[in-house]
C-alpha cells in the first residue's frame, strides 16, 4: 500500500493539486493544520496537537499525552523540525495527502506524508503521518 502511495505521490509536482475538489482555501487550511500541529509539538502542547487529529486517531491513542509521547519517540523529525517546507498535495477519494519536507537540526532531511481528512463540518484534520527518509544520490 505504501509503495503505491509513494508512486502516486511521486507524480505530484510541488504546489500542484491533483484530482478531487480541493480548493486553494482547502490547501491553505491543510497547511495551517499541519503547521499548527508542528507548533503545538514544539511547545509540548499535547492538547493542541491532539485537537488537530481526526476522531479515529484520537480514539486510537485515547489521550493527548499518549499521542504526544508516541510522536516524541517515534516521529522525532515531526516533533522538533528545524525547517518545514510544503511540497506536493494529491487527493485520494475524499481525503488528501500533503507531502512535507522536514529538516532536522542535524541537517537530516525527511519527507512526511500527512493523510488529511475532511471532517463533516468541512474542516481538515491529520489522519496519520508516514515518515520516509529520501534516498541520497551519489555524485558521479
Protein backbone atom coordinates (compact mmCIF):
# COMPACT_ATOMS: atom_id res chain seq x y z
CA UNK A 1 0.00 0.00 0.00
CA UNK A 2 2.76 2.48 0.96
CA UNK A 3 4.61 1.70 -2.27
CA UNK A 4 1.51 2.56 -4.29
CA UNK A 5 1.03 5.72 -2.25
CA UNK A 6 4.62 6.79 -2.77
CA UNK A 7 4.36 6.09 -6.51
CA UNK A 8 1.19 8.17 -6.68
CA UNK A 9 2.74 10.99 -4.68
CA UNK A 10 5.89 10.89 -6.75
CA UNK A 11 3.86 12.19 -9.68
CA UNK A 12 2.74 15.27 -7.82
CA UNK A 13 4.71 18.43 -8.56
CA UNK A 14 5.34 20.99 -5.84
CA UNK A 15 2.26 23.08 -5.18
CA UNK A 16 0.07 21.18 -7.63
CA UNK A 17 -3.24 19.62 -6.60
CA UNK A 18 -4.34 16.51 -8.47
CA UNK A 19 -7.97 15.41 -8.67
CA UNK A 20 -10.82 15.90 -6.21
CA UNK A 21 -12.45 19.08 -5.06
CA UNK A 22 -9.65 20.60 -3.01
CA UNK A 23 -9.72 24.36 -3.35
CA UNK A 24 -6.99 26.89 -2.69
CA UNK A 25 -8.78 27.58 0.61
CA UNK A 26 -8.63 23.87 1.47
CA UNK A 27 -4.93 23.79 0.66
CA UNK A 28 -4.32 26.78 2.93
CA UNK A 29 -6.32 25.13 5.73
CA UNK A 30 -4.47 21.80 5.32
CA UNK A 31 -1.13 23.56 5.60
CA UNK A 32 -2.33 25.63 8.56
CA UNK A 33 -3.43 22.45 10.38
CA UNK A 34 -0.04 20.80 9.83
CA UNK A 35 1.83 23.96 10.85
CA UNK A 36 -0.40 24.30 13.90
CA UNK A 37 0.27 20.74 14.94
CA UNK A 38 4.03 21.11 14.50
CA UNK A 39 3.91 24.34 16.52
CA UNK A 40 1.97 22.51 19.25
CA UNK A 41 4.64 19.78 19.31
CA UNK A 42 7.37 22.42 19.66
CA UNK A 43 5.56 23.75 22.77
CA UNK A 44 4.82 20.23 24.10
CA UNK A 45 1.14 21.19 23.87
CA UNK A 46 -0.42 17.74 23.85
CA UNK A 47 -4.00 19.12 23.90
CA UNK A 48 -3.36 21.47 20.97
CA UNK A 49 -1.69 18.79 18.81
CA UNK A 50 -4.35 16.20 19.67
CA UNK A 51 -7.16 18.60 18.74
CA UNK A 52 -5.83 18.62 15.15
CA UNK A 53 -6.04 14.86 14.55
CA UNK A 54 -9.08 13.02 13.23
CA UNK A 55 -11.56 11.38 15.61
CA UNK A 56 -10.24 7.94 14.54
CA UNK A 57 -6.69 8.88 15.55
CA UNK A 58 -7.96 10.36 18.81
CA UNK A 59 -9.77 7.12 19.53
CA UNK A 60 -6.69 5.03 18.69
CA UNK A 61 -4.44 6.98 21.09
CA UNK A 62 -7.01 7.69 23.77
CA UNK A 63 -5.34 10.67 25.40
CA UNK A 64 -3.39 13.72 24.23
CA UNK A 65 -0.50 12.74 26.49
CA UNK A 66 -0.19 9.27 24.94
CA UNK A 67 -0.32 10.82 21.44
CA UNK A 68 2.46 13.29 22.29
CA UNK A 69 4.59 10.55 23.88
CA UNK A 70 4.44 8.45 20.69
CA UNK A 71 5.27 11.45 18.48
CA UNK A 72 8.18 12.42 20.74
CA UNK A 73 9.75 8.95 20.46
CA UNK A 74 8.74 7.65 17.03
CA UNK A 75 8.29 10.83 14.98
CA UNK A 76 11.22 12.97 16.10
CA UNK A 77 11.52 14.87 12.78
CA UNK A 78 7.88 15.98 13.17
CA UNK A 79 8.28 16.69 16.87
CA UNK A 80 11.20 19.12 16.55
CA UNK A 81 11.94 20.10 12.94
CA UNK A 82 14.45 22.86 12.27
CA UNK A 83 12.72 23.66 8.96
CA UNK A 84 9.40 22.80 7.31
CA UNK A 85 8.78 23.00 3.55
CA UNK A 86 5.46 22.09 1.97
CA UNK A 87 5.74 20.06 -1.21
CA UNK A 88 3.01 18.49 -3.36
CA UNK A 89 -0.53 17.56 -2.43
CA UNK A 90 -2.63 14.86 -4.00
CA UNK A 91 -6.26 13.88 -3.50
CA UNK A 92 -7.26 10.27 -2.99
CA UNK A 93 -11.04 9.93 -2.85
CA UNK A 94 -12.41 12.26 -0.19
CA UNK A 95 -9.03 12.62 1.51
CA UNK A 96 -5.77 14.34 0.64
CA UNK A 97 -2.10 13.59 1.24
CA UNK A 98 0.21 16.53 1.85
CA UNK A 99 3.94 15.89 1.41
CA UNK A 100 6.14 17.96 3.71
CA UNK A 101 9.93 18.13 3.81
CA UNK A 102 11.24 18.27 7.35
CA UNK A 103 14.83 19.18 8.13
CA UNK A 104 16.27 18.22 11.49
CA UNK A 105 18.78 20.38 13.38
CA UNK A 106 21.46 17.87 12.30
CA UNK A 107 20.62 18.58 8.66
CA UNK A 108 18.92 15.22 8.06
CA UNK A 109 16.00 15.51 5.66
CA UNK A 110 12.75 13.59 5.91
CA UNK A 111 9.56 13.55 3.87
CA UNK A 112 6.38 13.36 5.89
CA UNK A 113 3.26 12.19 4.09
CA UNK A 114 0.31 13.60 6.02
CA UNK A 115 -3.01 11.89 5.38
CA UNK A 116 -5.57 14.66 5.71
CA UNK A 117 -9.24 14.00 6.33
CA UNK A 118 -12.06 16.45 5.70
CA UNK A 119 -14.48 16.48 8.63
CA UNK A 120 -18.26 16.71 8.36
CA UNK A 121 -18.06 20.41 9.23
CA UNK A 122 -15.70 20.98 6.28
CA UNK A 123 -12.52 21.43 8.34
CA UNK A 124 -9.41 19.32 7.83
CA UNK A 125 -7.53 17.20 10.37
CA UNK A 126 -4.49 14.99 10.20
CA UNK A 127 -5.34 11.31 9.90
CA UNK A 128 -1.86 9.86 10.09
CA UNK A 129 1.68 10.61 9.06
CA UNK A 130 4.26 8.44 7.33
CA UNK A 131 7.93 9.43 7.57
CA UNK A 132 10.33 8.49 4.78
CA UNK A 133 13.97 9.47 4.53
CA UNK A 134 14.65 10.18 0.85
CA UNK A 135 17.42 8.24 -0.84
CA UNK A 136 20.66 10.13 -1.17
CA UNK A 137 22.07 10.49 -4.64
CA UNK A 138 25.71 9.74 -5.20
CA UNK A 139 27.51 12.33 -7.34
CA UNK A 140 29.08 10.93 -10.49
